[in-house]
Amino acid sequence: MQHTRLFLIRHGQVVNHHEFRYNGHFDVDITDIGIQQMENLADILAAEPISAIYSSDLQRAVKGAEMVGAMLGIKPIKMHDFRELSLGRWEGLTREEGAARFPEEADFRFRDLANSKVQGGENLHDLKNRVIPKLNEILNKHQNETICLFAHGGVNRVILCNAMNLPMENFFRIEQDYGCLNVIDCFEDGVKVVKLLNGGPNQSLKGAKIY
C-alpha cells in the first residue's frame, strides 16, 4: 500500500545539555558530539529516496537539516511552527533559577505540561495545535514520497503521540535522545505506523537497514 514516509529526527546534543536548562525557543548551538550524531544520520539517509527536508528554524535543528541536505542536494525548508515548546519567561533558565526568579510559579513542574504552563509559555496541547496541522499540511503536499523533519524532543513526542493516538499525558513515556531517528509511515486513510522509535543516536548507523 502506498504511503508517505516521515524521517523524524531530534537535533544533536546542545552546548548547554549538562546544565539542564529549559531551552524552548532559546536558540542554542550543538556540540561536536551533536555534529557527529548528525553525520551518522546523514550516512544512512543518503541512501534513502528523500524528496524534501524540513526543520525548525532554530539553529540546533537547522544544522542537521543542512548537513543532510548538502549530501542529498536538497535545500531544507525552515519553519517556525516546528520550534520546541515555548517555556515563556523560563526559557534559558534552570528549574532552580526559574523558581527563584518567579516564586509565584515555584510549584511548576515540567511533567505538568499536559495541562499547565508558565507565564508566556505553552502547554502540550498548545504545542500539538501548532505542530500537527502544519505537519499534516506537509504530508498532504508530499503524498507517497519520503521526507525528513529535523525538530526537537517535545515536537517529536507530540508527533509520535499523535501517530499512536496517545493522549498528551503519555508524552513523557516516549524517549527522544539527542540525534535520534524515528520512522513513521503515513497512509492515505489517516493511519500512521511507527516503524522506528528513538533509533540509535549515539552510534554509527552505517549499514543499518530501515524497514
N, C-alpha and C. Protein backbone atom coordinates (compact mmCIF):
# COMPACT_ATOMS: atom_id res chain seq x y z
N MET A 1 0.84 -1.19 0.00
CA MET A 1 0.00 0.00 0.00
C MET A 1 0.88 1.25 0.00
N GLN A 2 0.55 2.20 -0.84
CA GLN A 2 1.34 3.41 -0.91
C GLN A 2 1.22 4.23 0.36
N HIS A 3 2.29 4.92 0.69
CA HIS A 3 2.29 5.75 1.89
C HIS A 3 3.38 6.80 1.80
N THR A 4 3.29 7.79 2.68
CA THR A 4 4.34 8.79 2.83
C THR A 4 5.20 8.39 4.01
N ARG A 5 6.50 8.36 3.81
CA ARG A 5 7.41 8.02 4.91
C ARG A 5 8.02 9.29 5.49
N LEU A 6 7.93 9.41 6.80
CA LEU A 6 8.50 10.55 7.51
C LEU A 6 9.68 10.11 8.35
N PHE A 7 10.85 10.66 8.05
CA PHE A 7 12.00 10.50 8.93
C PHE A 7 11.98 11.69 9.89
N LEU A 8 11.70 11.39 11.14
CA LEU A 8 11.56 12.41 12.18
C LEU A 8 12.79 12.36 13.09
N ILE A 9 13.51 13.46 13.15
CA ILE A 9 14.82 13.48 13.80
C ILE A 9 14.88 14.54 14.89
N ARG A 10 15.49 14.19 16.01
CA ARG A 10 15.78 15.21 17.00
C ARG A 10 17.17 15.77 16.73
N HIS A 11 17.33 17.06 16.94
CA HIS A 11 18.63 17.71 16.76
C HIS A 11 19.71 17.06 17.61
N GLY A 12 20.96 17.36 17.30
CA GLY A 12 22.09 16.83 18.04
C GLY A 12 22.23 17.46 19.42
N GLN A 13 23.14 16.90 20.20
CA GLN A 13 23.39 17.36 21.57
C GLN A 13 23.68 18.87 21.58
N VAL A 14 23.04 19.59 22.51
CA VAL A 14 23.21 21.04 22.58
C VAL A 14 24.34 21.42 23.54
N VAL A 15 24.87 22.63 23.34
CA VAL A 15 26.05 23.04 24.10
C VAL A 15 25.81 23.15 25.60
N ASN A 16 24.57 23.43 26.00
CA ASN A 16 24.29 23.55 27.45
C ASN A 16 23.55 22.34 28.00
N HIS A 17 23.72 21.19 27.36
CA HIS A 17 22.99 19.98 27.75
C HIS A 17 23.24 19.59 29.20
N HIS A 18 24.44 19.85 29.69
CA HIS A 18 24.83 19.45 31.04
C HIS A 18 24.27 20.38 32.12
N GLU A 19 23.68 21.51 31.69
CA GLU A 19 23.16 22.48 32.64
C GLU A 19 21.66 22.30 32.90
N PHE A 20 21.01 21.43 32.14
CA PHE A 20 19.59 21.11 32.32
C PHE A 20 18.73 22.38 32.28
N ARG A 21 18.95 23.17 31.23
CA ARG A 21 18.18 24.41 31.06
C ARG A 21 16.95 24.17 30.19
N TYR A 22 15.94 25.00 30.41
CA TYR A 22 14.76 24.99 29.56
C TYR A 22 15.08 25.82 28.32
N ASN A 23 15.43 25.19 27.24
CA ASN A 23 15.83 25.95 26.06
C ASN A 23 14.62 26.49 25.29
N GLY A 24 13.62 25.64 25.06
CA GLY A 24 12.44 26.13 24.35
C GLY A 24 12.81 26.82 23.05
N HIS A 25 12.40 28.09 22.90
CA HIS A 25 12.75 28.87 21.72
C HIS A 25 14.12 29.52 21.84
N PHE A 26 14.78 29.33 22.98
CA PHE A 26 16.13 29.84 23.21
C PHE A 26 17.06 29.19 22.18
N ASP A 27 17.78 29.99 21.40
CA ASP A 27 18.48 29.48 20.23
C ASP A 27 19.92 29.09 20.56
N VAL A 28 20.13 27.82 20.90
CA VAL A 28 21.46 27.34 21.27
C VAL A 28 22.04 26.46 20.16
N ASP A 29 23.35 26.40 20.12
CA ASP A 29 24.07 25.62 19.11
C ASP A 29 24.21 24.17 19.57
N ILE A 30 24.76 23.32 18.69
CA ILE A 30 25.05 21.94 19.06
C ILE A 30 26.56 21.75 19.25
N THR A 31 26.90 20.70 19.97
CA THR A 31 28.30 20.38 20.28
C THR A 31 28.95 19.59 19.15
N ASP A 32 30.24 19.30 19.32
CA ASP A 32 30.92 18.43 18.36
C ASP A 32 30.28 17.04 18.35
N ILE A 33 29.83 16.57 19.52
CA ILE A 33 29.12 15.29 19.57
C ILE A 33 27.82 15.40 18.79
N GLY A 34 27.13 16.52 18.93
CA GLY A 34 25.91 16.73 18.17
C GLY A 34 26.15 16.71 16.67
N ILE A 35 27.26 17.28 16.24
CA ILE A 35 27.61 17.25 14.82
C ILE A 35 27.87 15.81 14.37
N GLN A 36 28.56 15.04 15.21
CA GLN A 36 28.81 13.63 14.88
C GLN A 36 27.51 12.85 14.78
N GLN A 37 26.57 13.13 15.67
CA GLN A 37 25.27 12.46 15.60
C GLN A 37 24.57 12.76 14.28
N MET A 38 24.66 14.00 13.83
CA MET A 38 24.06 14.38 12.56
C MET A 38 24.79 13.74 11.38
N GLU A 39 26.10 13.61 11.49
CA GLU A 39 26.86 12.94 10.43
C GLU A 39 26.48 11.47 10.34
N ASN A 40 26.26 10.83 11.47
CA ASN A 40 25.82 9.44 11.48
C ASN A 40 24.49 9.29 10.74
N LEU A 41 23.58 10.20 11.01
CA LEU A 41 22.28 10.15 10.35
C LEU A 41 22.41 10.44 8.86
N ALA A 42 23.26 11.39 8.51
CA ALA A 42 23.46 11.72 7.11
C ALA A 42 23.96 10.51 6.33
N ASP A 43 24.81 9.69 6.95
CA ASP A 43 25.33 8.50 6.30
C ASP A 43 24.22 7.56 5.85
N ILE A 44 23.26 7.33 6.73
CA ILE A 44 22.20 6.38 6.40
C ILE A 44 21.11 7.02 5.52
N LEU A 45 20.81 8.27 5.77
CA LEU A 45 19.75 8.91 5.00
C LEU A 45 20.17 9.19 3.56
N ALA A 46 21.46 9.20 3.31
CA ALA A 46 21.95 9.44 1.95
C ALA A 46 21.47 8.36 0.99
N ALA A 47 21.14 7.18 1.50
CA ALA A 47 20.70 6.08 0.64
C ALA A 47 19.18 6.06 0.46
N GLU A 48 18.47 6.98 1.10
CA GLU A 48 17.01 6.99 1.05
C GLU A 48 16.49 7.95 -0.02
N PRO A 49 15.33 7.65 -0.62
CA PRO A 49 14.77 8.49 -1.70
C PRO A 49 14.05 9.72 -1.16
N ILE A 50 14.78 10.57 -0.48
CA ILE A 50 14.18 11.73 0.19
C ILE A 50 13.92 12.84 -0.83
N SER A 51 12.72 13.38 -0.82
CA SER A 51 12.37 14.42 -1.78
C SER A 51 12.32 15.81 -1.16
N ALA A 52 12.22 15.91 0.16
CA ALA A 52 12.16 17.22 0.81
C ALA A 52 12.64 17.11 2.24
N ILE A 53 13.23 18.19 2.73
CA ILE A 53 13.72 18.27 4.11
C ILE A 53 13.15 19.52 4.76
N TYR A 54 12.56 19.34 5.92
CA TYR A 54 12.01 20.44 6.70
C TYR A 54 12.70 20.48 8.05
N SER A 55 12.71 21.65 8.67
CA SER A 55 13.27 21.75 10.01
C SER A 55 12.65 22.92 10.76
N SER A 56 12.78 22.86 12.06
CA SER A 56 12.57 24.03 12.90
C SER A 56 13.54 25.10 12.44
N ASP A 57 13.21 26.36 12.72
CA ASP A 57 14.13 27.44 12.31
C ASP A 57 15.16 27.77 13.39
N LEU A 58 15.23 26.97 14.45
CA LEU A 58 16.26 27.16 15.47
C LEU A 58 17.54 26.45 15.04
N GLN A 59 18.69 27.06 15.30
CA GLN A 59 19.94 26.58 14.73
C GLN A 59 20.29 25.14 15.11
N ARG A 60 19.85 24.68 16.28
CA ARG A 60 20.19 23.33 16.67
C ARG A 60 19.51 22.29 15.78
N ALA A 61 18.39 22.64 15.17
CA ALA A 61 17.73 21.75 14.20
C ALA A 61 18.21 22.03 12.79
N VAL A 62 18.42 23.30 12.48
CA VAL A 62 18.84 23.69 11.13
C VAL A 62 20.17 23.04 10.74
N LYS A 63 21.11 22.94 11.68
CA LYS A 63 22.43 22.41 11.35
C LYS A 63 22.36 20.99 10.81
N GLY A 64 21.59 20.14 11.46
CA GLY A 64 21.45 18.76 10.98
C GLY A 64 20.75 18.72 9.63
N ALA A 65 19.71 19.52 9.48
CA ALA A 65 18.98 19.56 8.21
C ALA A 65 19.89 19.98 7.07
N GLU A 66 20.74 20.96 7.33
CA GLU A 66 21.65 21.43 6.28
C GLU A 66 22.72 20.40 5.95
N MET A 67 23.17 19.64 6.95
CA MET A 67 24.16 18.61 6.69
C MET A 67 23.60 17.52 5.79
N VAL A 68 22.39 17.05 6.09
CA VAL A 68 21.75 16.03 5.26
C VAL A 68 21.38 16.61 3.90
N GLY A 69 20.89 17.84 3.91
CA GLY A 69 20.52 18.49 2.66
C GLY A 69 21.70 18.64 1.72
N ALA A 70 22.87 18.98 2.25
CA ALA A 70 24.06 19.13 1.42
C ALA A 70 24.44 17.81 0.77
N MET A 71 24.27 16.71 1.52
CA MET A 71 24.61 15.39 0.99
C MET A 71 23.64 14.98 -0.12
N LEU A 72 22.37 15.38 0.01
CA LEU A 72 21.35 14.96 -0.94
C LEU A 72 21.07 15.99 -2.03
N GLY A 73 21.68 17.17 -1.91
CA GLY A 73 21.41 18.22 -2.88
C GLY A 73 20.03 18.82 -2.73
N ILE A 74 19.54 18.88 -1.47
CA ILE A 74 18.21 19.43 -1.19
C ILE A 74 18.35 20.59 -0.21
N LYS A 75 17.72 21.71 -0.52
CA LYS A 75 17.75 22.85 0.39
C LYS A 75 16.64 22.70 1.43
N PRO A 76 16.98 22.62 2.71
CA PRO A 76 15.95 22.48 3.75
C PRO A 76 15.04 23.69 3.83
N ILE A 77 13.81 23.43 4.22
CA ILE A 77 12.82 24.49 4.43
C ILE A 77 12.66 24.69 5.93
N LYS A 78 12.99 25.88 6.40
CA LYS A 78 12.92 26.18 7.84
C LYS A 78 11.54 26.73 8.18
N MET A 79 10.94 26.19 9.26
CA MET A 79 9.59 26.59 9.63
C MET A 79 9.49 26.89 11.13
N HIS A 80 8.95 28.05 11.44
CA HIS A 80 8.77 28.48 12.83
C HIS A 80 7.83 27.54 13.58
N ASP A 81 6.87 26.96 12.88
CA ASP A 81 5.86 26.10 13.53
C ASP A 81 6.47 24.89 14.21
N PHE A 82 7.66 24.48 13.79
CA PHE A 82 8.28 23.28 14.35
C PHE A 82 9.29 23.60 15.45
N ARG A 83 9.25 24.84 15.97
CA ARG A 83 10.09 25.15 17.12
C ARG A 83 9.66 24.32 18.34
N GLU A 84 10.60 24.19 19.27
CA GLU A 84 10.31 23.49 20.52
C GLU A 84 9.21 24.19 21.30
N LEU A 85 8.62 23.47 22.24
CA LEU A 85 7.65 24.03 23.17
C LEU A 85 8.20 25.31 23.79
N SER A 86 7.40 26.36 23.80
CA SER A 86 7.82 27.61 24.42
C SER A 86 7.64 27.53 25.93
N LEU A 87 8.68 27.89 26.64
CA LEU A 87 8.64 27.94 28.11
C LEU A 87 8.53 29.37 28.61
N GLY A 88 8.09 30.27 27.73
CA GLY A 88 7.83 31.64 28.15
C GLY A 88 9.01 32.28 28.86
N ARG A 89 8.72 32.87 30.02
CA ARG A 89 9.77 33.60 30.74
C ARG A 89 10.78 32.69 31.44
N TRP A 90 10.56 31.38 31.40
CA TRP A 90 11.51 30.43 31.97
C TRP A 90 12.59 30.02 30.97
N GLU A 91 12.49 30.43 29.73
CA GLU A 91 13.44 29.96 28.73
C GLU A 91 14.86 30.43 29.03
N GLY A 92 15.79 29.50 28.86
CA GLY A 92 17.19 29.77 29.15
C GLY A 92 17.55 29.59 30.61
N LEU A 93 16.57 29.26 31.45
CA LEU A 93 16.80 29.11 32.89
C LEU A 93 16.79 27.64 33.29
N THR A 94 17.42 27.34 34.41
CA THR A 94 17.29 26.03 35.00
C THR A 94 16.02 26.03 35.87
N ARG A 95 15.65 24.86 36.34
CA ARG A 95 14.49 24.74 37.24
C ARG A 95 14.69 25.63 38.47
N GLU A 96 15.88 25.57 39.06
CA GLU A 96 16.16 26.32 40.27
C GLU A 96 16.14 27.82 40.01
N GLU A 97 16.71 28.26 38.88
CA GLU A 97 16.72 29.68 38.55
C GLU A 97 15.31 30.21 38.30
N GLY A 98 14.50 29.40 37.61
CA GLY A 98 13.12 29.83 37.34
C GLY A 98 12.32 29.98 38.61
N ALA A 99 12.45 29.02 39.53
CA ALA A 99 11.70 29.07 40.79
C ALA A 99 12.14 30.25 41.64
N ALA A 100 13.45 30.58 41.60
CA ALA A 100 13.96 31.70 42.39
C ALA A 100 13.53 33.04 41.80
N ARG A 101 13.54 33.12 40.49
CA ARG A 101 13.20 34.38 39.83
C ARG A 101 11.70 34.64 39.82
N PHE A 102 10.92 33.56 39.74
CA PHE A 102 9.46 33.69 39.68
C PHE A 102 8.83 32.82 40.76
N PRO A 103 8.94 33.24 42.03
CA PRO A 103 8.47 32.41 43.14
C PRO A 103 6.99 32.07 43.06
N GLU A 104 6.21 32.91 42.38
CA GLU A 104 4.79 32.61 42.24
C GLU A 104 4.55 31.38 41.36
N GLU A 105 5.59 30.95 40.62
CA GLU A 105 5.48 29.74 39.80
C GLU A 105 6.43 28.65 40.28
N ALA A 106 6.85 28.74 41.52
CA ALA A 106 7.84 27.79 42.05
C ALA A 106 7.33 26.36 42.07
N ASP A 107 6.02 26.18 42.07
CA ASP A 107 5.46 24.83 42.10
C ASP A 107 5.35 24.21 40.71
N PHE A 108 5.70 24.97 39.68
CA PHE A 108 5.61 24.45 38.32
C PHE A 108 6.52 23.24 38.14
N ARG A 109 6.00 22.21 37.51
CA ARG A 109 6.78 21.03 37.17
C ARG A 109 6.63 20.73 35.69
N PHE A 110 7.75 20.40 35.05
CA PHE A 110 7.74 20.12 33.62
C PHE A 110 6.74 19.02 33.29
N ARG A 111 6.60 18.06 34.17
CA ARG A 111 5.69 16.94 33.91
C ARG A 111 4.22 17.33 34.04
N ASP A 112 3.94 18.56 34.43
CA ASP A 112 2.56 19.03 34.48
C ASP A 112 2.14 19.71 33.19
N LEU A 113 3.00 19.69 32.18
CA LEU A 113 2.78 20.48 30.98
C LEU A 113 1.60 20.03 30.13
N ALA A 114 1.06 18.86 30.39
CA ALA A 114 -0.12 18.44 29.62
C ALA A 114 -1.26 19.43 29.84
N ASN A 115 -1.34 20.01 31.03
CA ASN A 115 -2.47 20.89 31.33
C ASN A 115 -2.10 22.22 31.96
N SER A 116 -0.81 22.48 32.16
CA SER A 116 -0.41 23.73 32.79
C SER A 116 0.75 24.34 32.02
N LYS A 117 1.05 25.60 32.29
CA LYS A 117 2.15 26.27 31.61
C LYS A 117 2.59 27.47 32.45
N VAL A 118 3.81 27.93 32.17
CA VAL A 118 4.30 29.12 32.85
C VAL A 118 3.88 30.35 32.06
N GLN A 119 4.02 31.50 32.68
CA GLN A 119 3.58 32.73 32.03
C GLN A 119 4.31 32.94 30.69
N GLY A 120 3.53 33.16 29.65
CA GLY A 120 4.08 33.40 28.33
C GLY A 120 4.45 32.15 27.57
N GLY A 121 4.24 30.98 28.17
CA GLY A 121 4.63 29.73 27.53
C GLY A 121 3.46 28.94 26.99
N GLU A 122 3.74 27.70 26.57
CA GLU A 122 2.74 26.81 26.00
C GLU A 122 2.60 25.57 26.88
N ASN A 123 1.44 24.92 26.81
CA ASN A 123 1.32 23.57 27.35
C ASN A 123 1.36 22.60 26.17
N LEU A 124 1.25 21.31 26.45
CA LEU A 124 1.41 20.32 25.39
C LEU A 124 0.30 20.39 24.35
N HIS A 125 -0.90 20.79 24.78
CA HIS A 125 -1.99 20.91 23.81
C HIS A 125 -1.77 22.11 22.90
N ASP A 126 -1.20 23.17 23.43
CA ASP A 126 -0.84 24.31 22.58
C ASP A 126 0.19 23.87 21.54
N LEU A 127 1.17 23.11 21.99
CA LEU A 127 2.21 22.64 21.08
C LEU A 127 1.61 21.75 20.00
N LYS A 128 0.74 20.84 20.40
CA LYS A 128 0.09 19.95 19.43
C LYS A 128 -0.71 20.75 18.41
N ASN A 129 -1.43 21.75 18.87
CA ASN A 129 -2.24 22.56 17.97
C ASN A 129 -1.40 23.41 17.02
N ARG A 130 -0.17 23.63 17.37
CA ARG A 130 0.75 24.36 16.50
C ARG A 130 1.43 23.43 15.49
N VAL A 131 1.83 22.25 15.96
CA VAL A 131 2.65 21.36 15.16
C VAL A 131 1.86 20.47 14.20
N ILE A 132 0.81 19.82 14.70
CA ILE A 132 0.13 18.79 13.91
C ILE A 132 -0.53 19.34 12.64
N PRO A 133 -1.23 20.47 12.68
CA PRO A 133 -1.79 20.98 11.42
C PRO A 133 -0.72 21.27 10.37
N LYS A 134 0.41 21.81 10.78
CA LYS A 134 1.49 22.09 9.83
C LYS A 134 2.09 20.80 9.30
N LEU A 135 2.25 19.80 10.18
CA LEU A 135 2.76 18.50 9.71
C LEU A 135 1.81 17.88 8.70
N ASN A 136 0.51 17.90 8.99
CA ASN A 136 -0.47 17.33 8.06
C ASN A 136 -0.44 18.05 6.71
N GLU A 137 -0.24 19.33 6.75
CA GLU A 137 -0.12 20.12 5.51
C GLU A 137 1.05 19.62 4.67
N ILE A 138 2.17 19.37 5.33
CA ILE A 138 3.35 18.89 4.62
C ILE A 138 3.13 17.47 4.09
N LEU A 139 2.54 16.61 4.91
CA LEU A 139 2.28 15.24 4.48
C LEU A 139 1.36 15.21 3.27
N ASN A 140 0.35 16.06 3.25
CA ASN A 140 -0.56 16.13 2.11
C ASN A 140 0.15 16.63 0.86
N LYS A 141 1.10 17.51 1.05
CA LYS A 141 1.86 18.04 -0.08
C LYS A 141 2.79 16.99 -0.68
N HIS A 142 3.26 16.07 0.15
CA HIS A 142 4.24 15.08 -0.30
C HIS A 142 3.68 13.66 -0.25
N GLN A 143 2.48 13.47 -0.69
CA GLN A 143 1.86 12.15 -0.65
C GLN A 143 2.68 11.13 -1.44
N ASN A 144 2.91 9.99 -0.82
CA ASN A 144 3.64 8.86 -1.41
C ASN A 144 5.11 9.19 -1.68
N GLU A 145 5.64 10.14 -0.93
CA GLU A 145 7.05 10.48 -1.02
C GLU A 145 7.73 10.17 0.32
N THR A 146 9.02 10.43 0.39
CA THR A 146 9.79 10.28 1.62
C THR A 146 10.37 11.63 1.99
N ILE A 147 10.11 12.07 3.22
CA ILE A 147 10.56 13.40 3.65
C ILE A 147 11.22 13.31 5.02
N CYS A 148 12.00 14.35 5.34
CA CYS A 148 12.66 14.46 6.63
C CYS A 148 12.15 15.68 7.39
N LEU A 149 12.08 15.55 8.70
CA LEU A 149 11.80 16.68 9.56
C LEU A 149 12.79 16.66 10.72
N PHE A 150 13.58 17.73 10.84
CA PHE A 150 14.51 17.90 11.94
C PHE A 150 13.87 18.83 12.96
N ALA A 151 13.59 18.29 14.14
CA ALA A 151 12.86 19.09 15.13
C ALA A 151 13.45 18.88 16.52
N HIS A 152 12.59 18.83 17.52
CA HIS A 152 13.00 18.87 18.93
C HIS A 152 12.33 17.75 19.71
N GLY A 153 12.85 17.50 20.91
CA GLY A 153 12.29 16.43 21.73
C GLY A 153 10.81 16.57 21.97
N GLY A 154 10.36 17.77 22.32
CA GLY A 154 8.94 17.99 22.58
C GLY A 154 8.10 17.86 21.33
N VAL A 155 8.55 18.47 20.26
CA VAL A 155 7.83 18.40 18.98
C VAL A 155 7.71 16.95 18.53
N ASN A 156 8.81 16.20 18.60
CA ASN A 156 8.80 14.81 18.18
C ASN A 156 7.84 13.97 19.02
N ARG A 157 7.82 14.20 20.32
CA ARG A 157 6.93 13.42 21.19
C ARG A 157 5.47 13.69 20.85
N VAL A 158 5.14 14.94 20.56
CA VAL A 158 3.77 15.28 20.17
C VAL A 158 3.39 14.56 18.87
N ILE A 159 4.30 14.56 17.90
CA ILE A 159 4.04 13.88 16.63
C ILE A 159 3.88 12.38 16.84
N LEU A 160 4.71 11.79 17.69
CA LEU A 160 4.63 10.36 17.95
C LEU A 160 3.36 10.00 18.73
N CYS A 161 2.99 10.83 19.71
CA CYS A 161 1.73 10.60 20.43
C CYS A 161 0.55 10.64 19.46
N ASN A 162 0.57 11.61 18.56
CA ASN A 162 -0.50 11.75 17.58
C ASN A 162 -0.55 10.52 16.66
N ALA A 163 0.62 10.05 16.24
CA ALA A 163 0.67 8.90 15.34
C ALA A 163 0.11 7.65 16.00
N MET A 164 0.31 7.52 17.32
CA MET A 164 -0.13 6.33 18.04
C MET A 164 -1.43 6.54 18.79
N ASN A 165 -2.08 7.69 18.54
CA ASN A 165 -3.35 8.01 19.21
C ASN A 165 -3.24 7.97 20.73
N LEU A 166 -2.14 8.49 21.25
CA LEU A 166 -1.93 8.53 22.68
C LEU A 166 -2.28 9.91 23.23
N PRO A 167 -2.98 9.98 24.36
CA PRO A 167 -3.23 11.27 24.99
C PRO A 167 -1.92 11.96 25.37
N MET A 168 -1.95 13.28 25.45
CA MET A 168 -0.75 14.04 25.77
C MET A 168 -0.16 13.67 27.13
N GLU A 169 -0.96 13.08 28.00
CA GLU A 169 -0.45 12.66 29.31
C GLU A 169 0.64 11.58 29.18
N ASN A 170 0.72 10.94 28.00
CA ASN A 170 1.74 9.91 27.76
C ASN A 170 3.03 10.48 27.17
N PHE A 171 3.07 11.78 27.00
CA PHE A 171 4.18 12.49 26.37
C PHE A 171 5.53 12.05 26.94
N PHE A 172 5.64 11.97 28.26
CA PHE A 172 6.93 11.69 28.89
C PHE A 172 7.26 10.20 28.93
N ARG A 173 6.40 9.37 28.39
CA ARG A 173 6.71 7.94 28.29
C ARG A 173 7.48 7.62 27.01
N ILE A 174 7.68 8.62 26.18
CA ILE A 174 8.40 8.44 24.93
C ILE A 174 9.77 9.11 25.04
N GLU A 175 10.83 8.36 24.87
CA GLU A 175 12.17 8.92 24.94
C GLU A 175 12.59 9.45 23.57
N GLN A 176 13.30 10.56 23.58
CA GLN A 176 13.87 11.13 22.36
C GLN A 176 15.28 11.63 22.69
N ASP A 177 16.26 10.78 22.43
CA ASP A 177 17.65 11.15 22.70
C ASP A 177 18.14 12.15 21.65
N TYR A 178 19.19 12.86 22.00
CA TYR A 178 19.79 13.76 21.02
C TYR A 178 20.20 12.98 19.77
N GLY A 179 19.85 13.50 18.60
CA GLY A 179 20.25 12.88 17.35
C GLY A 179 19.48 11.64 16.96
N CYS A 180 18.38 11.35 17.66
CA CYS A 180 17.66 10.11 17.38
C CYS A 180 16.85 10.18 16.08
N LEU A 181 16.57 9.01 15.54
CA LEU A 181 15.80 8.87 14.31
C LEU A 181 14.52 8.09 14.59
N ASN A 182 13.40 8.64 14.14
CA ASN A 182 12.10 7.94 14.17
C ASN A 182 11.63 7.79 12.73
N VAL A 183 10.94 6.70 12.46
CA VAL A 183 10.38 6.48 11.13
C VAL A 183 8.88 6.24 11.26
N ILE A 184 8.10 7.06 10.56
CA ILE A 184 6.64 6.95 10.61
C ILE A 184 6.12 6.83 9.18
N ASP A 185 5.35 5.79 8.92
CA ASP A 185 4.68 5.63 7.63
C ASP A 185 3.26 6.15 7.75
N CYS A 186 2.88 7.06 6.85
CA CYS A 186 1.60 7.74 6.92
C CYS A 186 0.76 7.36 5.70
N PHE A 187 -0.39 6.73 5.96
CA PHE A 187 -1.23 6.21 4.88
C PHE A 187 -2.36 7.18 4.56
N GLU A 188 -2.93 7.02 3.34
CA GLU A 188 -3.94 7.95 2.85
C GLU A 188 -5.20 7.95 3.70
N ASP A 189 -5.49 6.85 4.39
CA ASP A 189 -6.69 6.79 5.23
C ASP A 189 -6.48 7.43 6.60
N GLY A 190 -5.31 8.05 6.80
CA GLY A 190 -5.03 8.72 8.06
C GLY A 190 -4.29 7.87 9.07
N VAL A 191 -4.16 6.58 8.82
CA VAL A 191 -3.43 5.69 9.73
C VAL A 191 -1.94 5.98 9.63
N LYS A 192 -1.30 6.03 10.79
CA LYS A 192 0.15 6.22 10.85
C LYS A 192 0.76 5.05 11.62
N VAL A 193 1.84 4.51 11.09
CA VAL A 193 2.52 3.38 11.72
C VAL A 193 3.95 3.78 12.07
N VAL A 194 4.29 3.67 13.35
CA VAL A 194 5.64 3.99 13.80
C VAL A 194 6.52 2.77 13.57
N LYS A 195 7.46 2.90 12.62
CA LYS A 195 8.33 1.78 12.25
C LYS A 195 9.62 1.75 13.08
N LEU A 196 10.03 2.92 13.54
CA LEU A 196 11.24 3.02 14.36
C LEU A 196 11.07 4.18 15.32
N LEU A 197 11.45 3.96 16.59
CA LEU A 197 11.31 4.99 17.60
C LEU A 197 12.63 5.15 18.35
N ASN A 198 13.12 6.39 18.41
CA ASN A 198 14.34 6.72 19.16
C ASN A 198 15.53 5.88 18.70
N GLY A 199 15.68 5.75 17.40
CA GLY A 199 16.75 4.92 16.83
C GLY A 199 18.13 5.48 17.08
N GLY A 200 19.06 4.59 17.41
CA GLY A 200 20.47 4.76 17.69
C GLY A 200 21.13 6.11 17.49
N PRO A 201 21.00 7.04 18.43
CA PRO A 201 21.60 8.35 18.24
C PRO A 201 23.10 8.41 18.51
N ASN A 202 23.61 7.51 19.34
CA ASN A 202 24.99 7.67 19.80
C ASN A 202 25.94 6.63 19.21
N GLN A 203 25.52 6.01 18.12
CA GLN A 203 26.41 5.09 17.44
C GLN A 203 26.31 5.32 15.95
N SER A 204 27.29 4.86 15.23
CA SER A 204 27.23 4.99 13.78
C SER A 204 26.09 4.14 13.25
N LEU A 205 25.32 4.71 12.32
CA LEU A 205 24.22 3.99 11.72
C LEU A 205 24.60 3.44 10.34
N LYS A 206 25.87 3.49 9.99
CA LYS A 206 26.30 2.97 8.70
C LYS A 206 25.92 1.50 8.58
N GLY A 207 25.32 1.16 7.45
CA GLY A 207 24.95 -0.22 7.20
C GLY A 207 23.63 -0.61 7.83
N ALA A 208 23.02 0.30 8.60
CA ALA A 208 21.75 -0.02 9.22
C ALA A 208 20.65 -0.08 8.16
N LYS A 209 19.64 -0.89 8.41
CA LYS A 209 18.54 -1.04 7.47
C LYS A 209 17.28 -0.44 8.08
N ILE A 210 16.61 0.39 7.30
CA ILE A 210 15.34 0.95 7.74
C ILE A 210 14.22 0.19 7.07
N TYR A 211 13.37 -0.41 7.85
CA TYR A 211 12.32 -1.24 7.30
C TYR A 211 11.10 -0.41 6.92
